[in-house]
Amino acid sequence: DPLKAAQNFVKRGKILESKGKNKKALKLYDKAYKKLIEANKADSRNPDILNYLGFTLRKAGKYEQAEKYYLQGLEIKPDHNGINEYLGELYVQTQRMDLAKERLAVLKDCNCEEYKELEEVINNN
């Protein structure tokens, strides 16, 4: 299952990233991206796949491509917690705080870690 394989690569990449091993993490995100492209061909309306595509591209610094996938995911599922958080983080990274705060507002009532994490990213910038 390409999605499961990709999720595994992302999980391992996040652990490496948290230890400051960014180059190794990026290699795993790239492997995940390749699996996600495969998964997306089979199921192009899956917001989780679109979210991970956005995530892996954002981590590689490909913000415009990442944003397209995030926005496609939101068209399918506007209240997707992960997409709203990660798109908000992308907006912070690209100096668009107003848009980041819009994503935070969508998450306001979710009572979820995505809200707290995006709020922290916004407050630290």
PDB file of N, CA and C in Angstrom:
ATOM      1  N   ASP A   1       0.852  -1.200   0.000  1.00  0.00           N
ATOM      2  CA  ASP A   1       0.000   0.000   0.000  1.00  0.00           C
ATOM      3  C   ASP A   1       0.886   1.248   0.000  1.00  0.00           C
ATOM      4  N   PRO A   2       0.900   1.999  -1.102  1.00  0.00           N
ATOM      5  CA  PRO A   2       1.789   3.179  -1.198  1.00  0.00           C
ATOM      6  C   PRO A   2       1.520   4.243  -0.118  1.00  0.00           C
ATOM      7  N   LEU A   3       0.255   4.436   0.270  1.00  0.00           N
ATOM      8  CA  LEU A   3      -0.046   5.446   1.299  1.00  0.00           C
ATOM      9  C   LEU A   3       0.568   5.038   2.635  1.00  0.00           C
ATOM     10  N   LYS A   4       0.389   3.784   3.007  1.00  0.00           N
ATOM     11  CA  LYS A   4       0.960   3.304   4.280  1.00  0.00           C
ATOM     12  C   LYS A   4       2.487   3.424   4.273  1.00  0.00           C
ATOM     13  N   ALA A   5       3.102   3.069   3.156  1.00  0.00           N
ATOM     14  CA  ALA A   5       4.560   3.181   3.032  1.00  0.00           C
ATOM     15  C   ALA A   5       4.987   4.643   3.187  1.00  0.00           C
ATOM     16  N   ALA A   6       4.250   5.539   2.535  1.00  0.00           N
ATOM     17  CA  ALA A   6       4.566   6.969   2.608  1.00  0.00           C
ATOM     18  C   ALA A   6       4.424   7.481   4.040  1.00  0.00           C
ATOM     19  N   GLN A   7       3.341   7.074   4.714  1.00  0.00           N
ATOM     20  CA  GLN A   7       3.127   7.517   6.104  1.00  0.00           C
ATOM     21  C   GLN A   7       4.289   7.065   6.982  1.00  0.00           C
ATOM     22  N   ASN A   8       4.778   5.864   6.723  1.00  0.00           N
ATOM     23  CA  ASN A   8       5.912   5.337   7.466  1.00  0.00           C
ATOM     24  C   ASN A   8       7.163   6.179   7.237  1.00  0.00           C
ATOM     25  N   PHE A   9       7.430   6.520   5.973  1.00  0.00           N
ATOM     26  CA  PHE A   9       8.585   7.369   5.652  1.00  0.00           C
ATOM     27  C   PHE A   9       8.460   8.731   6.343  1.00  0.00           C
ATOM     28  N   VAL A  10       7.247   9.304   6.326  1.00  0.00           N
ATOM     29  CA  VAL A  10       7.037  10.617   6.942  1.00  0.00           C
ATOM     30  C   VAL A  10       7.266  10.531   8.450  1.00  0.00           C
ATOM     31  N   LYS A  11       6.722   9.508   9.070  1.00  0.00           N
ATOM     32  CA  LYS A  11       6.880   9.335  10.517  1.00  0.00           C
ATOM     33  C   LYS A  11       8.368   9.241  10.882  1.00  0.00           C
ATOM     34  N   ARG A  12       9.103   8.429  10.130  1.00  0.00           N
ATOM     35  CA  ARG A  12      10.538   8.281  10.382  1.00  0.00           C
ATOM     36  C   ARG A  12      11.277   9.588  10.106  1.00  0.00           C
ATOM     37  N   GLY A  13      10.850  10.307   9.065  1.00  0.00           N
ATOM     38  CA  GLY A  13      11.459  11.596   8.741  1.00  0.00           C
ATOM     39  C   GLY A  13      11.262  12.620   9.842  1.00  0.00           C
ATOM     40  N   LYS A  14      10.069  12.658  10.419  1.00  0.00           N
ATOM     41  CA  LYS A  14       9.786  13.611  11.506  1.00  0.00           C
ATOM     42  C   LYS A  14      10.678  13.325  12.716  1.00  0.00           C
ATOM     43  N   ILE A  15      10.909  12.045  13.004  1.00  0.00           N
ATOM     44  CA  ILE A  15      11.776  11.679  14.135  1.00  0.00           C
ATOM     45  C   ILE A  15      13.204  12.169  13.872  1.00  0.00           C
ATOM     46  N   LEU A  16      13.704  11.908  12.657  1.00  0.00           N
ATOM     47  CA  LEU A  16      15.053  12.379  12.300  1.00  0.00           C
ATOM     48  C   LEU A  16      15.139  13.897  12.378  1.00  0.00           C
ATOM     49  N   GLU A  17      14.097  14.569  11.868  1.00  0.00           N
ATOM     50  CA  GLU A  17      14.079  16.034  11.868  1.00  0.00           C
ATOM     51  C   GLU A  17      14.132  16.560  13.303  1.00  0.00           C
ATOM     52  N   SER A  18      13.399  15.917  14.209  1.00  0.00           N
ATOM     53  CA  SER A  18      13.379  16.362  15.610  1.00  0.00           C
ATOM     54  C   SER A  18      14.751  16.199  16.261  1.00  0.00           C
ATOM     55  N   LYS A  19      15.596  15.334  15.678  1.00  0.00           N
ATOM     56  CA  LYS A  19      16.956  15.140  16.195  1.00  0.00           C
ATOM     57  C   LYS A  19      17.975  15.984  15.423  1.00  0.00           C
ATOM     58  N   GLY A  20      17.477  16.869  14.551  1.00  0.00           N
ATOM     59  CA  GLY A  20      18.355  17.753  13.797  1.00  0.00           C
ATOM     60  C   GLY A  20      19.000  17.104  12.576  1.00  0.00           C
ATOM     61  N   LYS A  21      18.543  15.917  12.218  1.00  0.00           N
ATOM     62  CA  LYS A  21      19.110  15.215  11.058  1.00  0.00           C
ATOM     63  C   LYS A  21      18.269  15.511   9.817  1.00  0.00           C
ATOM     64  N   ASN A  22      18.331  16.771   9.387  1.00  0.00           N
ATOM     65  CA  ASN A  22      17.435  17.248   8.325  1.00  0.00           C
ATOM     66  C   ASN A  22      17.697  16.632   6.965  1.00  0.00           C
ATOM     67  N   LYS A  23      18.976  16.414   6.616  1.00  0.00           N
ATOM     68  CA  LYS A  23      19.267  15.833   5.300  1.00  0.00           C
ATOM     69  C   LYS A  23      18.705  14.423   5.187  1.00  0.00           C
ATOM     70  N   LYS A  24      18.866  13.631   6.244  1.00  0.00           N
ATOM     71  CA  LYS A  24      18.328  12.269   6.242  1.00  0.00           C
ATOM     72  C   LYS A  24      16.801  12.315   6.201  1.00  0.00           C
ATOM     73  N   ALA A  25      16.214  13.255   6.934  1.00  0.00           N
ATOM     74  CA  ALA A  25      14.761  13.402   6.940  1.00  0.00           C
ATOM     75  C   ALA A  25      14.263  13.737   5.535  1.00  0.00           C
ATOM     76  N   LEU A  26      14.951  14.648   4.865  1.00  0.00           N
ATOM     77  CA  LEU A  26      14.543  15.043   3.509  1.00  0.00           C
ATOM     78  C   LEU A  26      14.575  13.860   2.545  1.00  0.00           C
ATOM     79  N   LYS A  27      15.544  12.972   2.711  1.00  0.00           N
ATOM     80  CA  LYS A  27      15.608  11.780   1.854  1.00  0.00           C
ATOM     81  C   LYS A  27      14.370  10.905   2.065  1.00  0.00           C
ATOM     82  N   LEU A  28      13.952  10.778   3.325  1.00  0.00           N
ATOM     83  CA  LEU A  28      12.751   9.982   3.609  1.00  0.00           C
ATOM     84  C   LEU A  28      11.502  10.676   3.076  1.00  0.00           C
ATOM     85  N   TYR A  29      11.449  12.001   3.204  1.00  0.00           N
ATOM     86  CA  TYR A  29      10.293  12.737   2.668  1.00  0.00           C
ATOM     87  C   TYR A  29      10.219  12.582   1.154  1.00  0.00           C
ATOM     88  N   ASP A  30      11.389  12.530   0.496  1.00  0.00           N
ATOM     89  CA  ASP A  30      11.413  12.337  -0.952  1.00  0.00           C
ATOM     90  C   ASP A  30      10.896  10.943  -1.319  1.00  0.00           C
ATOM     91  N   LYS A  31      11.296   9.939  -0.552  1.00  0.00           N
ATOM     92  CA  LYS A  31      10.779   8.582  -0.779  1.00  0.00           C
ATOM     93  C   LYS A  31       9.260   8.562  -0.576  1.00  0.00           C
ATOM     94  N   ALA A  32       8.807   9.247   0.472  1.00  0.00           N
ATOM     95  CA  ALA A  32       7.370   9.324   0.746  1.00  0.00           C
ATOM     96  C   ALA A  32       6.657   9.986  -0.425  1.00  0.00           C
ATOM     97  N   TYR A  33       7.222  11.090  -0.926  1.00  0.00           N
ATOM     98  CA  TYR A  33       6.624  11.825  -2.051  1.00  0.00           C
ATOM     99  C   TYR A  33       6.409  10.898  -3.244  1.00  0.00           C
ATOM    100  N   LYS A  34       7.420  10.085  -3.565  1.00  0.00           N
ATOM    101  CA  LYS A  34       7.303   9.166  -4.710  1.00  0.00           C
ATOM    102  C   LYS A  34       6.172   8.159  -4.502  1.00  0.00           C
ATOM    103  N   LYS A  35       6.036   7.645  -3.291  1.00  0.00           N
ATOM    104  CA  LYS A  35       4.944   6.713  -2.976  1.00  0.00           C
ATOM    105  C   LYS A  35       3.589   7.426  -3.056  1.00  0.00           C
ATOM    106  N   LEU A  36       3.569   8.685  -2.621  1.00  0.00           N
ATOM    107  CA  LEU A  36       2.318   9.450  -2.619  1.00  0.00           C
ATOM    108  C   LEU A  36       1.833   9.757  -4.030  1.00  0.00           C
ATOM    109  N   ILE A  37       2.764  10.013  -4.941  1.00  0.00           N
ATOM    110  CA  ILE A  37       2.395  10.239  -6.340  1.00  0.00           C
ATOM    111  C   ILE A  37       1.700   8.978  -6.871  1.00  0.00           C
ATOM    112  N   GLU A  38       2.258   7.841  -6.528  1.00  0.00           N
ATOM    113  CA  GLU A  38       1.670   6.547  -6.906  1.00  0.00           C
ATOM    114  C   GLU A  38       0.260   6.396  -6.302  1.00  0.00           C
ATOM    115  N   ALA A  39       0.146   6.691  -5.015  1.00  0.00           N
ATOM    116  CA  ALA A  39      -1.145   6.579  -4.321  1.00  0.00           C
ATOM    117  C   ALA A  39      -2.168   7.540  -4.919  1.00  0.00           C
ATOM    118  N   ASN A  40      -1.708   8.752  -5.261  1.00  0.00           N
ATOM    119  CA  ASN A  40      -2.604   9.776  -5.796  1.00  0.00           C
ATOM    120  C   ASN A  40      -3.147   9.388  -7.171  1.00  0.00           C
ATOM    121  N   LYS A  41      -2.353   8.644  -7.951  1.00  0.00           N
ATOM    122  CA  LYS A  41      -2.832   8.179  -9.254  1.00  0.00           C
ATOM    123  C   LYS A  41      -4.020   7.233  -9.074  1.00  0.00           C
ATOM    124  N   ALA A  42      -3.966   6.418  -8.032  1.00  0.00           N
ATOM    125  CA  ALA A  42      -5.029   5.452  -7.771  1.00  0.00           C
ATOM    126  C   ALA A  42      -6.241   6.098  -7.097  1.00  0.00           C
ATOM    127  N   ASP A  43      -6.008   7.168  -6.334  1.00  0.00           N
ATOM    128  CA  ASP A  43      -7.083   7.784  -5.548  1.00  0.00           C
ATOM    129  C   ASP A  43      -6.822   9.284  -5.417  1.00  0.00           C
ATOM    130  N   SER A  44      -7.231  10.041  -6.438  1.00  0.00           N
ATOM    131  CA  SER A  44      -6.888  11.470  -6.480  1.00  0.00           C
ATOM    132  C   SER A  44      -7.811  12.343  -5.621  1.00  0.00           C
ATOM    133  N   ARG A  45      -8.815  11.731  -4.979  1.00  0.00           N
ATOM    134  CA  ARG A  45      -9.747  12.524  -4.161  1.00  0.00           C
ATOM    135  C   ARG A  45      -9.579  12.214  -2.673  1.00  0.00           C
ATOM    136  N   ASN A  46      -8.416  11.710  -2.291  1.00  0.00           N
ATOM    137  CA  ASN A  46      -8.168  11.370  -0.896  1.00  0.00           C
ATOM    138  C   ASN A  46      -7.441  12.539  -0.223  1.00  0.00           C
ATOM    139  N   PRO A  47      -8.121  13.249   0.693  1.00  0.00           N
ATOM    140  CA  PRO A  47      -7.485  14.420   1.306  1.00  0.00           C
ATOM    141  C   PRO A  47      -6.228  14.072   2.115  1.00  0.00           C
ATOM    142  N   ASP A  48      -6.147  12.856   2.646  1.00  0.00           N
ATOM    143  CA  ASP A  48      -4.947  12.480   3.402  1.00  0.00           C
ATOM    144  C   ASP A  48      -3.731  12.385   2.481  1.00  0.00           C
ATOM    145  N   ILE A  49      -3.933  11.809   1.301  1.00  0.00           N
ATOM    146  CA  ILE A  49      -2.838  11.729   0.325  1.00  0.00           C
ATOM    147  C   ILE A  49      -2.415  13.139  -0.093  1.00  0.00           C
ATOM    148  N   LEU A  50      -3.397  13.995  -0.357  1.00  0.00           N
ATOM    149  CA  LEU A  50      -3.097  15.376  -0.764  1.00  0.00           C
ATOM    150  C   LEU A  50      -2.365  16.123   0.350  1.00  0.00           C
ATOM    151  N   ASN A  51      -2.754  15.869   1.593  1.00  0.00           N
ATOM    152  CA  ASN A  51      -2.093  16.488   2.739  1.00  0.00           C
ATOM    153  C   ASN A  51      -0.629  16.063   2.812  1.00  0.00           C
ATOM    154  N   TYR A  52      -0.372  14.770   2.670  1.00  0.00           N
ATOM    155  CA  TYR A  52       1.007  14.288   2.720  1.00  0.00           C
ATOM    156  C   TYR A  52       1.826  14.780   1.527  1.00  0.00           C
ATOM    157  N   LEU A  53       1.204  14.868   0.361  1.00  0.00           N
ATOM    158  CA  LEU A  53       1.913  15.433  -0.798  1.00  0.00           C
ATOM    159  C   LEU A  53       2.332  16.872  -0.484  1.00  0.00           C
ATOM    160  N   GLY A  54       1.408  17.643   0.058  1.00  0.00           N
ATOM    161  CA  GLY A  54       1.729  19.014   0.441  1.00  0.00           C
ATOM    162  C   GLY A  54       2.848  19.062   1.471  1.00  0.00           C
ATOM    163  N   PHE A  55       2.759  18.187   2.467  1.00  0.00           N
ATOM    164  CA  PHE A  55       3.756  18.150   3.541  1.00  0.00           C
ATOM    165  C   PHE A  55       5.155  17.862   2.989  1.00  0.00           C
ATOM    166  N   THR A  56       5.274  16.810   2.159  1.00  0.00           N
ATOM    167  CA  THR A  56       6.597  16.422   1.664  1.00  0.00           C
ATOM    168  C   THR A  56       7.184  17.511   0.760  1.00  0.00           C
ATOM    169  N   LEU A  57       6.350  18.153  -0.041  1.00  0.00           N
ATOM    170  CA  LEU A  57       6.820  19.244  -0.900  1.00  0.00           C
ATOM    171  C   LEU A  57       7.205  20.471  -0.077  1.00  0.00           C
ATOM    172  N   ARG A  58       6.418  20.769   0.950  1.00  0.00           N
ATOM    173  CA  ARG A  58       6.722  21.926   1.814  1.00  0.00           C
ATOM    174  C   ARG A  58       8.067  21.710   2.499  1.00  0.00           C
ATOM    175  N   LYS A  59       8.305  20.508   2.977  1.00  0.00           N
ATOM    176  CA  LYS A  59       9.572  20.219   3.648  1.00  0.00           C
ATOM    177  C   LYS A  59      10.752  20.375   2.688  1.00  0.00           C
ATOM    178  N   ALA A  60      10.505  20.112   1.391  1.00  0.00           N
ATOM    179  CA  ALA A  60      11.556  20.258   0.375  1.00  0.00           C
ATOM    180  C   ALA A  60      11.678  21.714  -0.103  1.00  0.00           C
ATOM    181  N   GLY A  61      10.858  22.605   0.460  1.00  0.00           N
ATOM    182  CA  GLY A  61      10.921  24.015   0.085  1.00  0.00           C
ATOM    183  C   GLY A  61      10.163  24.354  -1.182  1.00  0.00           C
ATOM    184  N   LYS A  62       9.347  23.422  -1.666  1.00  0.00           N
ATOM    185  CA  LYS A  62       8.562  23.644  -2.897  1.00  0.00           C
ATOM    186  C   LYS A  62       7.167  24.135  -2.498  1.00  0.00           C
ATOM    187  N   TYR A  63       7.124  25.383  -2.050  1.00  0.00           N
ATOM    188  CA  TYR A  63       5.913  25.923  -1.434  1.00  0.00           C
ATOM    189  C   TYR A  63       4.732  26.037  -2.388  1.00  0.00           C
ATOM    190  N   GLU A  64       4.995  26.472  -3.623  1.00  0.00           N
ATOM    191  CA  GLU A  64       3.878  26.656  -4.563  1.00  0.00           C
ATOM    192  C   GLU A  64       3.193  25.328  -4.873  1.00  0.00           C
ATOM    193  N   GLN A  65       3.994  24.284  -5.145  1.00  0.00           N
ATOM    194  CA  GLN A  65       3.415  22.964  -5.415  1.00  0.00           C
ATOM    195  C   GLN A  65       2.685  22.439  -4.187  1.00  0.00           C
ATOM    196  N   ALA A  66       3.307  22.617  -3.027  1.00  0.00           N
ATOM    197  CA  ALA A  66       2.709  22.139  -1.779  1.00  0.00           C
ATOM    198  C   ALA A  66       1.347  22.792  -1.569  1.00  0.00           C
ATOM    199  N   GLU A  67       1.285  24.102  -1.770  1.00  0.00           N
ATOM    200  CA  GLU A  67       0.045  24.845  -1.556  1.00  0.00           C
ATOM    201  C   GLU A  67      -1.068  24.320  -2.453  1.00  0.00           C
ATOM    202  N   LYS A  68      -0.731  23.971  -3.696  1.00  0.00           N
ATOM    203  CA  LYS A  68      -1.747  23.447  -4.620  1.00  0.00           C
ATOM    204  C   LYS A  68      -2.371  22.163  -4.077  1.00  0.00           C
ATOM    205  N   TYR A  69      -1.534  21.263  -3.566  1.00  0.00           N
ATOM    206  CA  TYR A  69      -2.065  20.017  -3.018  1.00  0.00           C
ATOM    207  C   TYR A  69      -2.912  20.265  -1.770  1.00  0.00           C
ATOM    208  N   TYR A  70      -2.434  21.150  -0.895  1.00  0.00           N
ATOM    209  CA  TYR A  70      -3.220  21.474   0.304  1.00  0.00           C
ATOM    210  C   TYR A  70      -4.593  22.030  -0.078  1.00  0.00           C
ATOM    211  N   LEU A  71      -4.602  22.940  -1.041  1.00  0.00           N
ATOM    212  CA  LEU A  71      -5.871  23.558  -1.446  1.00  0.00           C
ATOM    213  C   LEU A  71      -6.805  22.542  -2.107  1.00  0.00           C
ATOM    214  N   GLN A  72      -6.249  21.612  -2.884  1.00  0.00           N
ATOM    215  CA  GLN A  72      -7.078  20.538  -3.460  1.00  0.00           C
ATOM    216  C   GLN A  72      -7.713  19.710  -2.343  1.00  0.00           C
ATOM    217  N   GLY A  73      -6.922  19.416  -1.323  1.00  0.00           N
ATOM    218  CA  GLY A  73      -7.432  18.647  -0.186  1.00  0.00           C
ATOM    219  C   GLY A  73      -8.542  19.371   0.537  1.00  0.00           C
ATOM    220  N   LEU A  74      -8.388  20.689   0.701  1.00  0.00           N
ATOM    221  CA  LEU A  74      -9.424  21.472   1.396  1.00  0.00           C
ATOM    222  C   LEU A  74     -10.702  21.565   0.574  1.00  0.00           C
ATOM    223  N   GLU A  75     -10.583  21.527  -0.748  1.00  0.00           N
ATOM    224  CA  GLU A  75     -11.797  21.521  -1.582  1.00  0.00           C
ATOM    225  C   GLU A  75     -12.627  20.275  -1.284  1.00  0.00           C
ATOM    226  N   ILE A  76     -11.957  19.170  -1.028  1.00  0.00           N
ATOM    227  CA  ILE A  76     -12.635  17.907  -0.749  1.00  0.00           C
ATOM    228  C   ILE A  76     -13.110  17.859   0.702  1.00  0.00           C
ATOM    229  N   LYS A  77     -12.255  18.313   1.625  1.00  0.00           N
ATOM    230  CA  LYS A  77     -12.578  18.240   3.055  1.00  0.00           C
ATOM    231  C   LYS A  77     -12.106  19.521   3.745  1.00  0.00           C
ATOM    232  N   PRO A  78     -12.946  20.578   3.731  1.00  0.00           N
ATOM    233  CA  PRO A  78     -12.537  21.891   4.254  1.00  0.00           C
ATOM    234  C   PRO A  78     -12.128  21.886   5.733  1.00  0.00           C
ATOM    235  N   ASP A  79     -12.621  20.924   6.500  1.00  0.00           N
ATOM    236  CA  ASP A  79     -12.311  20.919   7.939  1.00  0.00           C
ATOM    237  C   ASP A  79     -11.214  19.911   8.296  1.00  0.00           C
ATOM    238  N   HIS A  80     -10.411  19.502   7.315  1.00  0.00           N
ATOM    239  CA  HIS A  80      -9.324  18.544   7.559  1.00  0.00           C
ATOM    240  C   HIS A  80      -8.283  19.202   8.476  1.00  0.00           C
ATOM    241  N   ASN A  81      -8.157  18.688   9.688  1.00  0.00           N
ATOM    242  CA  ASN A  81      -7.272  19.313  10.679  1.00  0.00           C
ATOM    243  C   ASN A  81      -5.826  19.402  10.199  1.00  0.00           C
ATOM    244  N   GLY A  82      -5.313  18.303   9.665  1.00  0.00           N
ATOM    245  CA  GLY A  82      -3.912  18.280   9.241  1.00  0.00           C
ATOM    246  C   GLY A  82      -3.618  19.270   8.139  1.00  0.00           C
ATOM    247  N   ILE A  83      -4.488  19.303   7.137  1.00  0.00           N
ATOM    248  CA  ILE A  83      -4.266  20.240   6.019  1.00  0.00           C
ATOM    249  C   ILE A  83      -4.333  21.672   6.519  1.00  0.00           C
ATOM    250  N   ASN A  84      -5.303  21.980   7.361  1.00  0.00           N
ATOM    251  CA  ASN A  84      -5.415  23.351   7.863  1.00  0.00           C
ATOM    252  C   ASN A  84      -4.176  23.757   8.656  1.00  0.00           C
ATOM    253  N   GLU A  85      -3.663  22.830   9.479  1.00  0.00           N
ATOM    254  CA  GLU A  85      -2.454  23.146  10.240  1.00  0.00           C
ATOM    255  C   GLU A  85      -1.266  23.361   9.310  1.00  0.00           C
ATOM    256  N   TYR A  86      -1.025  22.401   8.414  1.00  0.00           N
ATOM    257  CA  TYR A  86       0.162  22.467   7.563  1.00  0.00           C
ATOM    258  C   TYR A  86       0.094  23.614   6.570  1.00  0.00           C
ATOM    259  N   LEU A  87      -1.093  23.901   6.035  1.00  0.00           N
ATOM    260  CA  LEU A  87      -1.236  25.041   5.132  1.00  0.00           C
ATOM    261  C   LEU A  87      -0.974  26.328   5.906  1.00  0.00           C
ATOM    262  N   GLY A  88      -1.447  26.382   7.137  1.00  0.00           N
ATOM    263  CA  GLY A  88      -1.160  27.540   7.993  1.00  0.00           C
ATOM    264  C   GLY A  88       0.336  27.713   8.201  1.00  0.00           C
ATOM    265  N   GLU A  89       1.039  26.596   8.429  1.00  0.00           N
ATOM    266  CA  GLU A  89       2.495  26.673   8.609  1.00  0.00           C
ATOM    267  C   GLU A  89       3.175  27.148   7.328  1.00  0.00           C
ATOM    268  N   LEU A  90       2.680  26.677   6.188  1.00  0.00           N
ATOM    269  CA  LEU A  90       3.225  27.138   4.903  1.00  0.00           C
ATOM    270  C   LEU A  90       3.021  28.650   4.770  1.00  0.00           C
ATOM    271  N   TYR A  91       1.850  29.133   5.153  1.00  0.00           N
ATOM    272  CA  TYR A  91       1.584  30.575   5.070  1.00  0.00           C
ATOM    273  C   TYR A  91       2.525  31.359   5.980  1.00  0.00           C
ATOM    274  N   VAL A  92       2.841  30.814   7.168  1.00  0.00           N
ATOM    275  CA  VAL A  92       3.807  31.482   8.051  1.00  0.00           C
ATOM    276  C   VAL A  92       5.175  31.508   7.370  1.00  0.00           C
ATOM    277  N   GLN A  93       5.579  30.354   6.791  1.00  0.00           N
ATOM    278  CA  GLN A  93       6.889  30.261   6.135  1.00  0.00           C
ATOM    279  C   GLN A  93       7.008  31.208   4.945  1.00  0.00           C
ATOM    280  N   THR A  94       5.874  31.538   4.313  1.00  0.00           N
ATOM    281  CA  THR A  94       5.899  32.413   3.141  1.00  0.00           C
ATOM    282  C   THR A  94       5.383  33.820   3.487  1.00  0.00           C
ATOM    283  N   GLN A  95       5.477  34.166   4.764  1.00  0.00           N
ATOM    284  CA  GLN A  95       5.132  35.505   5.274  1.00  0.00           C
ATOM    285  C   GLN A  95       3.718  35.964   4.916  1.00  0.00           C
ATOM    286  N   ARG A  96       2.746  35.067   5.036  1.00  0.00           N
ATOM    287  CA  ARG A  96       1.351  35.449   4.803  1.00  0.00           C
ATOM    288  C   ARG A  96       0.545  35.165   6.075  1.00  0.00           C
ATOM    289  N   MET A  97       0.821  35.975   7.090  1.00  0.00           N
ATOM    290  CA  MET A  97       0.252  35.749   8.416  1.00  0.00           C
ATOM    291  C   MET A  97      -1.275  35.815   8.431  1.00  0.00           C
ATOM    292  N   ASP A  98      -1.864  36.702   7.627  1.00  0.00           N
ATOM    293  CA  ASP A  98      -3.328  36.806   7.609  1.00  0.00           C
ATOM    294  C   ASP A  98      -3.948  35.469   7.199  1.00  0.00           C
ATOM    295  N   LEU A  99      -3.370  34.844   6.180  1.00  0.00           N
ATOM    296  CA  LEU A  99      -3.885  33.555   5.718  1.00  0.00           C
ATOM    297  C   LEU A  99      -3.628  32.464   6.753  1.00  0.00           C
ATOM    298  N   ALA A 100      -2.479  32.530   7.430  1.00  0.00           N
ATOM    299  CA  ALA A 100      -2.181  31.556   8.488  1.00  0.00           C
ATOM    300  C   ALA A 100      -3.229  31.660   9.592  1.00  0.00           C
ATOM    301  N   LYS A 101      -3.588  32.884   9.945  1.00  0.00           N
ATOM    302  CA  LYS A 101      -4.584  33.089  11.014  1.00  0.00           C
ATOM    303  C   LYS A 101      -5.970  32.616  10.583  1.00  0.00           C
ATOM    304  N   GLU A 102      -6.266  32.693   9.285  1.00  0.00           N
ATOM    305  CA  GLU A 102      -7.539  32.145   8.776  1.00  0.00           C
ATOM    306  C   GLU A 102      -7.582  30.630   8.999  1.00  0.00           C
ATOM    307  N   ARG A 103      -6.471  29.948   8.737  1.00  0.00           N
ATOM    308  CA  ARG A 103      -6.398  28.491   8.949  1.00  0.00           C
ATOM    309  C   ARG A 103      -6.557  28.188  10.432  1.00  0.00           C
ATOM    310  N   LEU A 104      -5.939  29.001  11.288  1.00  0.00           N
ATOM    311  CA  LEU A 104      -6.052  28.816  12.738  1.00  0.00           C
ATOM    312  C   LEU A 104      -7.512  28.964  13.171  1.00  0.00           C
ATOM    313  N   ALA A 105      -8.208  29.946  12.584  1.00  0.00           N
ATOM    314  CA  ALA A 105      -9.619  30.168  12.930  1.00  0.00           C
ATOM    315  C   ALA A 105     -10.473  28.955  12.564  1.00  0.00           C
ATOM    316  N   VAL A 106     -10.141  28.292  11.457  1.00  0.00           N
ATOM    317  CA  VAL A 106     -10.885  27.087  11.056  1.00  0.00           C
ATOM    318  C   VAL A 106     -10.710  25.993  12.110  1.00  0.00           C
ATOM    319  N   LEU A 107      -9.525  25.929  12.708  1.00  0.00           N
ATOM    320  CA  LEU A 107      -9.219  24.875  13.689  1.00  0.00           C
ATOM    321  C   LEU A 107      -9.673  25.220  15.105  1.00  0.00           C
ATOM    322  N   LYS A 108     -10.152  26.446  15.307  1.00  0.00           N
ATOM    323  CA  LYS A 108     -10.407  26.972  16.650  1.00  0.00           C
ATOM    324  C   LYS A 108     -11.219  26.028  17.536  1.00  0.00           C
ATOM    325  N   ASP A 109     -12.242  25.408  16.996  1.00  0.00           N
ATOM    326  CA  ASP A 109     -13.139  24.588  17.818  1.00  0.00           C
ATOM    327  C   ASP A 109     -12.841  23.085  17.741  1.00  0.00           C
ATOM    328  N   CYS A 110     -11.714  22.719  17.146  1.00  0.00           N
ATOM    329  CA  CYS A 110     -11.438  21.283  16.952  1.00  0.00           C
ATOM    330  C   CYS A 110     -10.962  20.604  18.236  1.00  0.00           C
ATOM    331  N   ASN A 111     -10.501  21.396  19.208  1.00  0.00           N
ATOM    332  CA  ASN A 111      -9.954  20.820  20.435  1.00  0.00           C
ATOM    333  C   ASN A 111      -8.892  19.770  20.093  1.00  0.00           C
ATOM    334  N   CYS A 112      -7.949  20.160  19.213  1.00  0.00           N
ATOM    335  CA  CYS A 112      -6.984  19.203  18.678  1.00  0.00           C
ATOM    336  C   CYS A 112      -5.574  19.766  18.757  1.00  0.00           C
ATOM    337  N   GLU A 113      -4.596  18.871  18.658  1.00  0.00           N
ATOM    338  CA  GLU A 113      -3.196  19.300  18.720  1.00  0.00           C
ATOM    339  C   GLU A 113      -2.820  20.174  17.537  1.00  0.00           C
ATOM    340  N   GLU A 114      -3.493  19.996  16.385  1.00  0.00           N
ATOM    341  CA  GLU A 114      -3.180  20.803  15.209  1.00  0.00           C
ATOM    342  C   GLU A 114      -3.379  22.294  15.506  1.00  0.00           C
ATOM    343  N   TYR A 115      -4.446  22.617  16.266  1.00  0.00           N
ATOM    344  CA  TYR A 115      -4.694  24.022  16.627  1.00  0.00           C
ATOM    345  C   TYR A 115      -3.526  24.559  17.461  1.00  0.00           C
ATOM    346  N   LYS A 116      -3.160  23.804  18.498  1.00  0.00           N
ATOM    347  CA  LYS A 116      -2.094  24.255  19.407  1.00  0.00           C
ATOM    348  C   LYS A 116      -0.768  24.403  18.661  1.00  0.00           C
ATOM    349  N   GLU A 117      -0.480  23.451  17.760  1.00  0.00           N
ATOM    350  CA  GLU A 117       0.785  23.499  17.037  1.00  0.00           C
ATOM    351  C   GLU A 117       0.849  24.685  16.076  1.00  0.00           C
ATOM    352  N   LEU A 118      -0.242  24.937  15.364  1.00  0.00           N
ATOM    353  CA  LEU A 118      -0.249  26.088  14.443  1.00  0.00           C
ATOM    354  C   LEU A 118      -0.204  27.387  15.228  1.00  0.00           C
ATOM    355  N   GLU A 119      -0.935  27.455  16.328  1.00  0.00           N
ATOM    356  CA  GLU A 119      -0.920  28.659  17.165  1.00  0.00           C
ATOM    357  C   GLU A 119       0.498  28.970  17.632  1.00  0.00           C
ATOM    358  N   GLU A 120       1.227  27.935  18.020  1.00  0.00           N
ATOM    359  CA  GLU A 120       2.612  28.102  18.482  1.00  0.00           C
ATOM    360  C   GLU A 120       3.498  28.625  17.353  1.00  0.00           C
ATOM    361  N   VAL A 121       3.346  28.052  16.153  1.00  0.00           N
ATOM    362  CA  VAL A 121       4.150  28.507  14.991  1.00  0.00           C
ATOM    363  C   VAL A 121       3.854  29.980  14.699  1.00  0.00           C
ATOM    364  N   ILE A 122       2.575  30.358  14.740  1.00  0.00           N
ATOM    365  CA  ILE A 122       2.200  31.750  14.481  1.00  0.00           C
ATOM    366  C   ILE A 122       2.773  32.674  15.554  1.00  0.00           C
ATOM    367  N   ASN A 123       2.640  32.275  16.814  1.00  0.00           N
ATOM    368  CA  ASN A 123       3.115  33.125  17.916  1.00  0.00           C
ATOM    369  C   ASN A 123       4.632  33.274  17.947  1.00  0.00           C
ATOM    370  N   ASN A 124       5.340  32.293  17.401  1.00  0.00           N
ATOM    371  CA  ASN A 124       6.810  32.357  17.407  1.00  0.00           C
ATOM    372  C   ASN A 124       7.377  33.079  16.189  1.00  0.00           C
ATOM    373  N   ASN A 125       6.493  33.630  15.350  1.00  0.00           N
ATOM    374  CA  ASN A 125       6.980  34.323  14.150  1.00  0.00           C
ATOM    375  C   ASN A 125       6.525  35.773  14.117  1.00  0.00           C
TER     376      ASN A 125
END
